[in-house]
Amino acid sequence: MVLLTVFTPTYNRAHTLPEAYCSLKAQTSKNFLWLIVDDGSTDRTAALVSAWMQAEKAFAIRYLYRPNGGMHAAHNTAYAHIETELNLCLDSDDRLAKDAVEQIEKRWVQIKSKNYAGLIGLDDDGNGKLIGTGFPPDLTETTLSGYYAGGGKGDKKLVYRTDI
């Protein structure tokens, strides 16, 4: 059973989606589904995704089109269709480290019984430079707001339990 849905809200981002797709193709674990929520694009997003859906054999791709309603509406649409235990938003201009899904799986197995809401991961700029600050070495658990209140900065990747 697939553990993770990686969802991407998109609007006229056919020019950036290929990088997100390539980072998903490069994953060391394919235990995910890629859900693309197209928020009313008028560019070639639909054709691009259709070609990937026909060609991709390593992981499932699901495409949903909705009339333009903005990023939050696209997120809500994604959440209404996610059926996996965990989910992660990958923006159309983002990439995941090649072992991101594998690391999520490994860490989730370790902490699942603690009934956490999810995981917080670090982001880099694509060249290995951390965006914002890392985690203190002695930090074992936190909330996102607690992390920022404690001086944390920058974008983070948030992996949520879908049921909450």
N, C-alpha and C. Protein backbone atom coordinates (compact mmCIF):
# COMPACT_ATOMS: atom_id res chain seq x y z
N MET A 1 0.84 -1.19 0.00
CA MET A 1 0.00 0.00 0.00
C MET A 1 0.88 1.25 0.00
N VAL A 2 0.51 2.23 -0.80
CA VAL A 2 1.27 3.47 -0.91
C VAL A 2 1.14 4.26 0.39
N LEU A 3 2.26 4.73 0.92
CA LEU A 3 2.29 5.45 2.19
C LEU A 3 2.02 6.95 2.04
N LEU A 4 2.51 7.54 0.97
CA LEU A 4 2.60 9.00 0.87
C LEU A 4 1.98 9.51 -0.42
N THR A 5 1.20 10.59 -0.29
CA THR A 5 0.79 11.37 -1.46
C THR A 5 1.61 12.64 -1.48
N VAL A 6 2.31 12.85 -2.56
CA VAL A 6 2.99 14.12 -2.81
C VAL A 6 2.04 14.90 -3.70
N PHE A 7 1.55 16.03 -3.19
CA PHE A 7 0.60 16.80 -4.02
C PHE A 7 1.21 18.12 -4.42
N THR A 8 0.86 18.51 -5.64
CA THR A 8 1.39 19.74 -6.22
C THR A 8 0.23 20.59 -6.73
N PRO A 9 -0.05 21.70 -6.05
CA PRO A 9 -1.02 22.65 -6.61
C PRO A 9 -0.31 23.45 -7.70
N THR A 10 -0.98 23.65 -8.81
CA THR A 10 -0.30 24.33 -9.92
C THR A 10 -1.28 25.23 -10.68
N TYR A 11 -0.74 26.31 -11.19
CA TYR A 11 -1.50 27.22 -12.05
C TYR A 11 -0.53 27.81 -13.07
N ASN A 12 -0.69 27.41 -14.33
CA ASN A 12 0.18 27.89 -15.42
C ASN A 12 1.66 27.74 -15.08
N ARG A 13 2.02 26.55 -14.64
CA ARG A 13 3.41 26.29 -14.24
C ARG A 13 4.05 25.18 -15.06
N ALA A 14 3.62 25.01 -16.29
CA ALA A 14 4.20 23.98 -17.15
C ALA A 14 5.71 24.18 -17.31
N HIS A 15 6.17 25.39 -17.14
CA HIS A 15 7.60 25.67 -17.28
C HIS A 15 8.41 25.24 -16.04
N THR A 16 7.77 25.04 -14.90
CA THR A 16 8.50 24.62 -13.70
C THR A 16 8.20 23.18 -13.29
N LEU A 17 7.06 22.64 -13.68
CA LEU A 17 6.68 21.29 -13.29
C LEU A 17 7.70 20.21 -13.67
N PRO A 18 8.40 20.31 -14.80
CA PRO A 18 9.36 19.25 -15.13
C PRO A 18 10.44 19.03 -14.07
N GLU A 19 10.87 20.07 -13.39
CA GLU A 19 11.87 19.88 -12.33
C GLU A 19 11.28 19.10 -11.16
N ALA A 20 10.05 19.41 -10.79
CA ALA A 20 9.40 18.65 -9.71
C ALA A 20 9.27 17.19 -10.14
N TYR A 21 8.84 16.96 -11.38
CA TYR A 21 8.68 15.61 -11.89
C TYR A 21 10.02 14.86 -11.88
N CYS A 22 11.07 15.50 -12.35
CA CYS A 22 12.39 14.85 -12.37
C CYS A 22 12.86 14.48 -10.97
N SER A 23 12.56 15.32 -9.99
CA SER A 23 12.98 15.00 -8.62
C SER A 23 12.19 13.81 -8.08
N LEU A 24 10.95 13.65 -8.53
CA LEU A 24 10.16 12.49 -8.11
C LEU A 24 10.62 11.23 -8.83
N LYS A 25 10.95 11.34 -10.10
CA LYS A 25 11.49 10.19 -10.84
C LYS A 25 12.79 9.69 -10.23
N ALA A 26 13.55 10.58 -9.62
CA ALA A 26 14.86 10.22 -9.06
C ALA A 26 14.77 9.63 -7.65
N GLN A 27 13.58 9.56 -7.08
CA GLN A 27 13.44 9.07 -5.70
C GLN A 27 13.94 7.63 -5.57
N THR A 28 14.65 7.37 -4.48
CA THR A 28 15.14 6.02 -4.21
C THR A 28 14.02 5.11 -3.77
N SER A 29 12.92 5.64 -3.27
CA SER A 29 11.72 4.87 -2.96
C SER A 29 10.57 5.44 -3.78
N LYS A 30 9.84 4.56 -4.39
CA LYS A 30 8.69 4.99 -5.20
C LYS A 30 7.37 4.73 -4.47
N ASN A 31 7.42 4.70 -3.14
CA ASN A 31 6.24 4.42 -2.33
C ASN A 31 5.41 5.70 -2.13
N PHE A 32 5.01 6.30 -3.25
CA PHE A 32 4.22 7.53 -3.20
C PHE A 32 3.36 7.62 -4.45
N LEU A 33 2.37 8.47 -4.37
CA LEU A 33 1.53 8.84 -5.50
C LEU A 33 1.70 10.34 -5.68
N TRP A 34 1.81 10.78 -6.91
CA TRP A 34 1.90 12.21 -7.19
C TRP A 34 0.53 12.71 -7.63
N LEU A 35 -0.04 13.59 -6.83
CA LEU A 35 -1.34 14.19 -7.11
C LEU A 35 -1.12 15.64 -7.55
N ILE A 36 -1.47 15.92 -8.78
CA ILE A 36 -1.32 17.27 -9.32
C ILE A 36 -2.71 17.90 -9.36
N VAL A 37 -2.87 19.02 -8.68
CA VAL A 37 -4.13 19.74 -8.68
C VAL A 37 -3.94 21.00 -9.52
N ASP A 38 -4.50 20.97 -10.71
CA ASP A 38 -4.39 22.07 -11.66
C ASP A 38 -5.51 23.06 -11.37
N ASP A 39 -5.13 24.24 -10.94
CA ASP A 39 -6.08 25.25 -10.52
C ASP A 39 -6.45 26.19 -11.67
N GLY A 40 -6.92 25.58 -12.78
CA GLY A 40 -7.42 26.38 -13.89
C GLY A 40 -6.37 26.83 -14.89
N SER A 41 -5.28 26.09 -15.02
CA SER A 41 -4.22 26.48 -15.95
C SER A 41 -4.73 26.61 -17.37
N THR A 42 -4.15 27.57 -18.09
CA THR A 42 -4.46 27.76 -19.50
C THR A 42 -3.22 27.52 -20.36
N ASP A 43 -2.13 27.08 -19.75
CA ASP A 43 -0.92 26.76 -20.51
C ASP A 43 -0.95 25.27 -20.87
N ARG A 44 0.17 24.66 -21.13
CA ARG A 44 0.22 23.27 -21.56
C ARG A 44 0.37 22.28 -20.40
N THR A 45 -0.02 22.68 -19.19
CA THR A 45 0.09 21.80 -18.02
C THR A 45 -0.63 20.47 -18.24
N ALA A 46 -1.87 20.51 -18.70
CA ALA A 46 -2.66 19.28 -18.86
C ALA A 46 -1.98 18.31 -19.83
N ALA A 47 -1.48 18.80 -20.95
CA ALA A 47 -0.83 17.94 -21.95
C ALA A 47 0.46 17.35 -21.40
N LEU A 48 1.20 18.16 -20.69
CA LEU A 48 2.46 17.70 -20.09
C LEU A 48 2.20 16.57 -19.11
N VAL A 49 1.26 16.78 -18.21
CA VAL A 49 0.94 15.77 -17.20
C VAL A 49 0.38 14.51 -17.86
N SER A 50 -0.45 14.68 -18.87
CA SER A 50 -1.01 13.53 -19.57
C SER A 50 0.10 12.65 -20.15
N ALA A 51 1.09 13.26 -20.74
CA ALA A 51 2.22 12.50 -21.30
C ALA A 51 2.97 11.76 -20.20
N TRP A 52 3.18 12.40 -19.07
CA TRP A 52 3.86 11.73 -17.94
C TRP A 52 3.04 10.56 -17.43
N MET A 53 1.73 10.76 -17.33
CA MET A 53 0.86 9.70 -16.83
C MET A 53 0.92 8.46 -17.73
N GLN A 54 1.02 8.67 -19.02
CA GLN A 54 1.09 7.55 -19.96
C GLN A 54 2.46 6.87 -19.91
N ALA A 55 3.51 7.63 -19.67
CA ALA A 55 4.87 7.09 -19.73
C ALA A 55 5.37 6.53 -18.40
N GLU A 56 4.90 7.06 -17.31
CA GLU A 56 5.47 6.72 -16.00
C GLU A 56 5.00 5.35 -15.53
N LYS A 57 5.96 4.49 -15.19
CA LYS A 57 5.66 3.15 -14.70
C LYS A 57 6.10 2.94 -13.25
N ALA A 58 6.97 3.79 -12.73
CA ALA A 58 7.55 3.58 -11.40
C ALA A 58 6.64 4.06 -10.27
N PHE A 59 5.81 5.07 -10.53
CA PHE A 59 4.89 5.57 -9.51
C PHE A 59 3.64 6.11 -10.20
N ALA A 60 2.57 6.17 -9.42
CA ALA A 60 1.29 6.63 -9.97
C ALA A 60 1.23 8.16 -9.98
N ILE A 61 0.60 8.67 -11.02
CA ILE A 61 0.34 10.11 -11.13
C ILE A 61 -1.16 10.28 -11.30
N ARG A 62 -1.72 11.17 -10.51
CA ARG A 62 -3.14 11.48 -10.62
C ARG A 62 -3.28 12.97 -10.89
N TYR A 63 -4.15 13.34 -11.81
CA TYR A 63 -4.33 14.73 -12.22
C TYR A 63 -5.77 15.15 -11.98
N LEU A 64 -5.94 16.26 -11.29
CA LEU A 64 -7.27 16.83 -11.06
C LEU A 64 -7.27 18.26 -11.59
N TYR A 65 -8.26 18.58 -12.38
CA TYR A 65 -8.42 19.95 -12.88
C TYR A 65 -9.59 20.58 -12.16
N ARG A 66 -9.43 21.82 -11.76
CA ARG A 66 -10.51 22.56 -11.12
C ARG A 66 -10.48 23.99 -11.66
N PRO A 67 -11.60 24.68 -11.66
CA PRO A 67 -11.59 26.09 -12.05
C PRO A 67 -10.71 26.88 -11.08
N ASN A 68 -10.12 27.93 -11.59
CA ASN A 68 -9.19 28.70 -10.76
C ASN A 68 -9.88 29.23 -9.51
N GLY A 69 -9.28 28.92 -8.38
CA GLY A 69 -9.80 29.37 -7.10
C GLY A 69 -8.71 29.81 -6.15
N GLY A 70 -7.47 29.69 -6.58
CA GLY A 70 -6.35 30.10 -5.74
C GLY A 70 -5.70 28.91 -5.04
N MET A 71 -4.53 29.18 -4.49
CA MET A 71 -3.71 28.14 -3.88
C MET A 71 -4.44 27.39 -2.77
N HIS A 72 -5.14 28.11 -1.91
CA HIS A 72 -5.81 27.44 -0.79
C HIS A 72 -6.94 26.52 -1.27
N ALA A 73 -7.64 26.93 -2.30
CA ALA A 73 -8.68 26.07 -2.86
C ALA A 73 -8.06 24.81 -3.46
N ALA A 74 -6.91 24.97 -4.10
CA ALA A 74 -6.22 23.80 -4.66
C ALA A 74 -5.76 22.85 -3.55
N HIS A 75 -5.28 23.41 -2.45
CA HIS A 75 -4.91 22.57 -1.30
C HIS A 75 -6.13 21.82 -0.77
N ASN A 76 -7.24 22.52 -0.63
CA ASN A 76 -8.46 21.87 -0.13
C ASN A 76 -8.91 20.76 -1.07
N THR A 77 -8.80 20.98 -2.36
CA THR A 77 -9.15 19.94 -3.33
C THR A 77 -8.23 18.74 -3.15
N ALA A 78 -6.95 18.99 -2.99
CA ALA A 78 -6.00 17.88 -2.77
C ALA A 78 -6.41 17.08 -1.55
N TYR A 79 -6.63 17.75 -0.43
CA TYR A 79 -6.97 17.04 0.80
C TYR A 79 -8.26 16.23 0.68
N ALA A 80 -9.19 16.68 -0.13
CA ALA A 80 -10.43 15.94 -0.33
C ALA A 80 -10.20 14.64 -1.11
N HIS A 81 -9.04 14.51 -1.77
CA HIS A 81 -8.77 13.34 -2.61
C HIS A 81 -7.61 12.49 -2.12
N ILE A 82 -6.96 12.87 -1.05
CA ILE A 82 -5.82 12.09 -0.55
C ILE A 82 -6.33 10.93 0.29
N GLU A 83 -5.84 9.74 0.00
CA GLU A 83 -6.26 8.54 0.71
C GLU A 83 -5.09 7.83 1.40
N THR A 84 -3.88 8.33 1.23
CA THR A 84 -2.72 7.69 1.85
C THR A 84 -2.55 8.15 3.29
N GLU A 85 -1.74 7.45 4.03
CA GLU A 85 -1.53 7.77 5.44
C GLU A 85 -0.86 9.13 5.63
N LEU A 86 0.08 9.46 4.75
CA LEU A 86 0.82 10.72 4.86
C LEU A 86 0.69 11.53 3.58
N ASN A 87 0.92 12.83 3.71
CA ASN A 87 0.93 13.69 2.53
C ASN A 87 1.95 14.80 2.69
N LEU A 88 2.39 15.29 1.55
CA LEU A 88 3.43 16.32 1.49
C LEU A 88 3.13 17.22 0.31
N CYS A 89 3.17 18.52 0.51
CA CYS A 89 2.99 19.45 -0.59
C CYS A 89 4.35 19.75 -1.22
N LEU A 90 4.45 19.50 -2.51
CA LEU A 90 5.64 19.85 -3.29
C LEU A 90 5.21 20.91 -4.28
N ASP A 91 5.64 22.14 -4.06
CA ASP A 91 5.25 23.21 -4.98
C ASP A 91 5.79 22.93 -6.37
N SER A 92 5.18 23.53 -7.37
CA SER A 92 5.52 23.24 -8.76
C SER A 92 6.94 23.65 -9.11
N ASP A 93 7.55 24.51 -8.31
CA ASP A 93 8.93 24.91 -8.59
C ASP A 93 9.92 24.35 -7.56
N ASP A 94 9.50 23.33 -6.82
CA ASP A 94 10.35 22.70 -5.81
C ASP A 94 10.86 21.35 -6.30
N ARG A 95 11.87 20.87 -5.58
CA ARG A 95 12.42 19.55 -5.82
C ARG A 95 12.60 18.87 -4.47
N LEU A 96 12.56 17.56 -4.48
CA LEU A 96 12.86 16.78 -3.28
C LEU A 96 14.24 16.17 -3.43
N ALA A 97 14.95 16.07 -2.32
CA ALA A 97 16.20 15.33 -2.33
C ALA A 97 15.90 13.91 -2.78
N LYS A 98 16.86 13.26 -3.45
CA LYS A 98 16.57 11.96 -4.07
C LYS A 98 16.17 10.88 -3.09
N ASP A 99 16.50 11.04 -1.82
CA ASP A 99 16.12 10.04 -0.82
C ASP A 99 15.04 10.54 0.14
N ALA A 100 14.33 11.59 -0.26
CA ALA A 100 13.33 12.19 0.64
C ALA A 100 12.24 11.20 1.02
N VAL A 101 11.65 10.52 0.05
CA VAL A 101 10.57 9.57 0.36
C VAL A 101 11.11 8.43 1.22
N GLU A 102 12.29 7.94 0.91
CA GLU A 102 12.91 6.88 1.71
C GLU A 102 13.11 7.34 3.16
N GLN A 103 13.59 8.57 3.34
CA GLN A 103 13.81 9.10 4.69
C GLN A 103 12.49 9.28 5.44
N ILE A 104 11.46 9.73 4.74
CA ILE A 104 10.14 9.88 5.36
C ILE A 104 9.65 8.52 5.84
N GLU A 105 9.78 7.50 4.99
CA GLU A 105 9.35 6.15 5.38
C GLU A 105 10.10 5.66 6.62
N LYS A 106 11.40 5.80 6.61
CA LYS A 106 12.22 5.32 7.73
C LYS A 106 11.86 6.04 9.03
N ARG A 107 11.75 7.34 8.96
CA ARG A 107 11.45 8.11 10.17
C ARG A 107 10.03 7.82 10.65
N TRP A 108 9.08 7.68 9.73
CA TRP A 108 7.69 7.43 10.11
C TRP A 108 7.57 6.11 10.87
N VAL A 109 8.26 5.09 10.41
CA VAL A 109 8.23 3.79 11.10
C VAL A 109 8.72 3.96 12.54
N GLN A 110 9.71 4.81 12.75
CA GLN A 110 10.27 5.02 14.08
C GLN A 110 9.32 5.77 15.01
N ILE A 111 8.53 6.68 14.48
CA ILE A 111 7.73 7.55 15.36
C ILE A 111 6.22 7.35 15.27
N LYS A 112 5.77 6.52 14.36
CA LYS A 112 4.33 6.36 14.13
C LYS A 112 3.56 6.06 15.41
N SER A 113 4.09 5.23 16.26
CA SER A 113 3.39 4.82 17.47
C SER A 113 3.24 5.97 18.47
N LYS A 114 3.98 7.05 18.29
CA LYS A 114 3.89 8.20 19.20
C LYS A 114 2.71 9.11 18.87
N ASN A 115 2.00 8.79 17.79
CA ASN A 115 0.81 9.55 17.43
C ASN A 115 1.11 11.01 17.09
N TYR A 116 2.24 11.25 16.46
CA TYR A 116 2.56 12.60 16.00
C TYR A 116 1.69 12.99 14.82
N ALA A 117 1.55 14.28 14.61
CA ALA A 117 0.78 14.80 13.48
C ALA A 117 1.57 14.69 12.18
N GLY A 118 2.88 14.57 12.26
CA GLY A 118 3.68 14.48 11.05
C GLY A 118 5.14 14.73 11.31
N LEU A 119 5.82 15.14 10.26
CA LEU A 119 7.25 15.38 10.28
C LEU A 119 7.55 16.75 9.69
N ILE A 120 8.64 17.35 10.12
CA ILE A 120 9.12 18.59 9.54
C ILE A 120 10.48 18.30 8.92
N GLY A 121 10.65 18.67 7.66
CA GLY A 121 11.92 18.46 6.98
C GLY A 121 12.52 19.79 6.54
N LEU A 122 13.81 19.77 6.31
CA LEU A 122 14.54 20.96 5.87
C LEU A 122 14.43 21.13 4.36
N ASP A 123 14.57 22.35 3.91
CA ASP A 123 14.59 22.68 2.48
C ASP A 123 15.95 23.26 2.13
N ASP A 124 16.40 22.98 0.89
CA ASP A 124 17.59 23.66 0.40
C ASP A 124 17.27 24.36 -0.91
N ASP A 125 18.22 25.11 -1.41
CA ASP A 125 17.98 25.92 -2.60
C ASP A 125 18.19 25.17 -3.91
N GLY A 126 18.41 23.87 -3.84
CA GLY A 126 18.68 23.09 -5.04
C GLY A 126 20.16 22.90 -5.30
N ASN A 127 20.96 23.69 -4.62
CA ASN A 127 22.41 23.58 -4.73
C ASN A 127 23.04 23.13 -3.41
N GLY A 128 22.20 22.66 -2.50
CA GLY A 128 22.71 22.16 -1.23
C GLY A 128 22.78 23.19 -0.11
N LYS A 129 22.42 24.44 -0.40
CA LYS A 129 22.45 25.48 0.62
C LYS A 129 21.12 25.50 1.36
N LEU A 130 21.18 25.30 2.67
CA LEU A 130 19.98 25.27 3.50
C LEU A 130 19.23 26.59 3.42
N ILE A 131 17.90 26.50 3.29
CA ILE A 131 17.06 27.69 3.35
C ILE A 131 16.68 27.89 4.81
N GLY A 132 17.10 28.98 5.39
CA GLY A 132 16.80 29.25 6.80
C GLY A 132 17.77 28.52 7.71
N THR A 133 17.25 28.07 8.85
CA THR A 133 18.10 27.42 9.85
C THR A 133 17.74 25.94 9.95
N GLY A 134 18.71 25.18 10.40
CA GLY A 134 18.50 23.76 10.63
C GLY A 134 17.86 23.54 11.99
N PHE A 135 17.84 22.29 12.39
CA PHE A 135 17.30 21.94 13.70
C PHE A 135 18.43 21.86 14.71
N PRO A 136 18.20 22.32 15.93
CA PRO A 136 19.23 22.14 16.96
C PRO A 136 19.53 20.65 17.13
N PRO A 137 20.79 20.30 17.40
CA PRO A 137 21.16 18.88 17.47
C PRO A 137 20.39 18.08 18.52
N ASP A 138 19.97 18.74 19.60
CA ASP A 138 19.28 18.03 20.67
C ASP A 138 17.75 18.04 20.51
N LEU A 139 17.25 18.61 19.44
CA LEU A 139 15.80 18.68 19.21
C LEU A 139 15.29 17.31 18.74
N THR A 140 14.36 16.74 19.47
CA THR A 140 13.80 15.45 19.08
C THR A 140 12.32 15.56 18.70
N GLU A 141 11.65 16.59 19.19
CA GLU A 141 10.26 16.82 18.79
C GLU A 141 9.93 18.28 18.99
N THR A 142 9.01 18.76 18.18
CA THR A 142 8.57 20.15 18.26
C THR A 142 7.29 20.31 17.46
N THR A 143 6.69 21.45 17.59
CA THR A 143 5.63 21.86 16.68
C THR A 143 6.27 22.84 15.70
N LEU A 144 5.62 23.08 14.60
CA LEU A 144 6.17 24.04 13.65
C LEU A 144 6.23 25.43 14.29
N SER A 145 5.16 25.81 14.98
CA SER A 145 5.16 27.13 15.63
C SER A 145 6.23 27.18 16.72
N GLY A 146 6.43 26.09 17.42
CA GLY A 146 7.48 26.03 18.44
C GLY A 146 8.87 26.18 17.84
N TYR A 147 9.07 25.57 16.70
CA TYR A 147 10.35 25.69 16.00
C TYR A 147 10.63 27.15 15.64
N TYR A 148 9.63 27.82 15.05
CA TYR A 148 9.82 29.22 14.67
C TYR A 148 9.93 30.13 15.90
N ALA A 149 9.15 29.86 16.93
CA ALA A 149 9.24 30.66 18.16
C ALA A 149 10.61 30.52 18.81
N GLY A 150 11.25 29.37 18.61
CA GLY A 150 12.58 29.14 19.17
C GLY A 150 13.70 29.68 18.31
N GLY A 151 13.37 30.46 17.29
CA GLY A 151 14.39 31.08 16.45
C GLY A 151 14.58 30.43 15.10
N GLY A 152 13.84 29.37 14.80
CA GLY A 152 13.95 28.73 13.50
C GLY A 152 13.49 29.65 12.39
N LYS A 153 14.11 29.50 11.22
CA LYS A 153 13.79 30.37 10.09
C LYS A 153 13.75 29.55 8.80
N GLY A 154 13.02 30.06 7.82
CA GLY A 154 13.04 29.51 6.47
C GLY A 154 11.95 28.50 6.18
N ASP A 155 11.86 28.15 4.89
CA ASP A 155 10.90 27.16 4.42
C ASP A 155 11.22 25.79 4.99
N LYS A 156 10.19 25.02 5.21
CA LYS A 156 10.34 23.64 5.65
C LYS A 156 9.37 22.79 4.84
N LYS A 157 9.69 21.53 4.70
CA LYS A 157 8.77 20.58 4.08
C LYS A 157 7.98 19.93 5.19
N LEU A 158 6.67 19.96 5.06
CA LEU A 158 5.77 19.44 6.10
C LEU A 158 5.10 18.17 5.59
N VAL A 159 5.28 17.11 6.34
CA VAL A 159 4.65 15.83 6.03
C VAL A 159 3.58 15.61 7.10
N TYR A 160 2.34 15.57 6.67
CA TYR A 160 1.23 15.46 7.61
C TYR A 160 0.58 14.08 7.55
N ARG A 161 0.07 13.64 8.70
CA ARG A 161 -0.83 12.50 8.72
C ARG A 161 -2.14 12.96 8.10
N THR A 162 -2.61 12.25 7.14
CA THR A 162 -3.82 12.66 6.42
C THR A 162 -5.06 12.61 7.29
N ASP A 163 -5.11 11.68 8.22
CA ASP A 163 -6.34 11.53 9.02
C ASP A 163 -6.57 12.66 10.01
N ILE A 164 -5.60 13.52 10.22
CA ILE A 164 -5.83 14.66 11.10
C ILE A 164 -5.68 15.95 10.35
